[in-house]
């Protein structure tokens, strides 16, 4: 009996143990978030190196962009031609995101939309210049693909994604989201539906949930969630934050295939979803 009593006492947790466990979980979450930032920073550096090596190897005349990216020294490609040259594996172009013919009449970079968010004219003009340099960088990569006769989807997909990562890294998530909004692109990833036996269903995700963070990283587009869930240690439990009926809900999900259909949505960055 005495041995059993001792066993029970050992099994019981004390307030100190609970605090230690909570501290440990918090430290693990911080380390995961730090690892995500480090991974993104490494991807940005690798993409810049790849772009510089590409420019040096092609013998083309390139200029240095705002972030050190090579960018076009010739006139910009037509927007429609750019959209046609992009495959479904690329990040969503603005023309595709508009969804209807009427949206084509809207400005490419909607300064009025940013002004409505409270940005000053000076901030808007600065952001527009940065965005235009980024678009010229994109045009350079696509022009090189066309001139070289390469299959853009296979040979230049990495450069396009790397360029977007670097652009986002320089701006930060908040400003990057505003650029997406100003250029008519989706800036939210929504759970359209999910499989009943999926990891998403087991974690408690629901139709209509907006995926806001996955393992500490802000999610703005479906491709980002797909890439994040495919990296790291498969099967580990990681935090996922969703917006449900305007409230932020934190859940835990098994890393790996989610078993969901993801939809895109464009909303004001200040909307409560």
Foldseek 3Di string as FASTA:
>chain_A
DVVVVVVVVVPDDDPVNVVVVVVVVVVVLVVLLVVVVVVLVVLLVVLLVVQVVVCVVVPDDFDQFPLRGTFDPDDFDDLVVLQVLDDPPAPDDQVVLQPDPVCVPADQFALVLVVVVVDDPVVSVVLVVNVVRLRRSSRVLVVVCVVVVHNCVPPPRSNRVSSVSNSCVVQDPLVVLSRCQRRNHFFWKFFQFFDCPFQQNVFPDDGGWTWQDWSNDGDGDPVVVVVVLDDDDFQDWGWTWTQDPLDIDITITTRDDGRTDMDTHHDRPPDSD
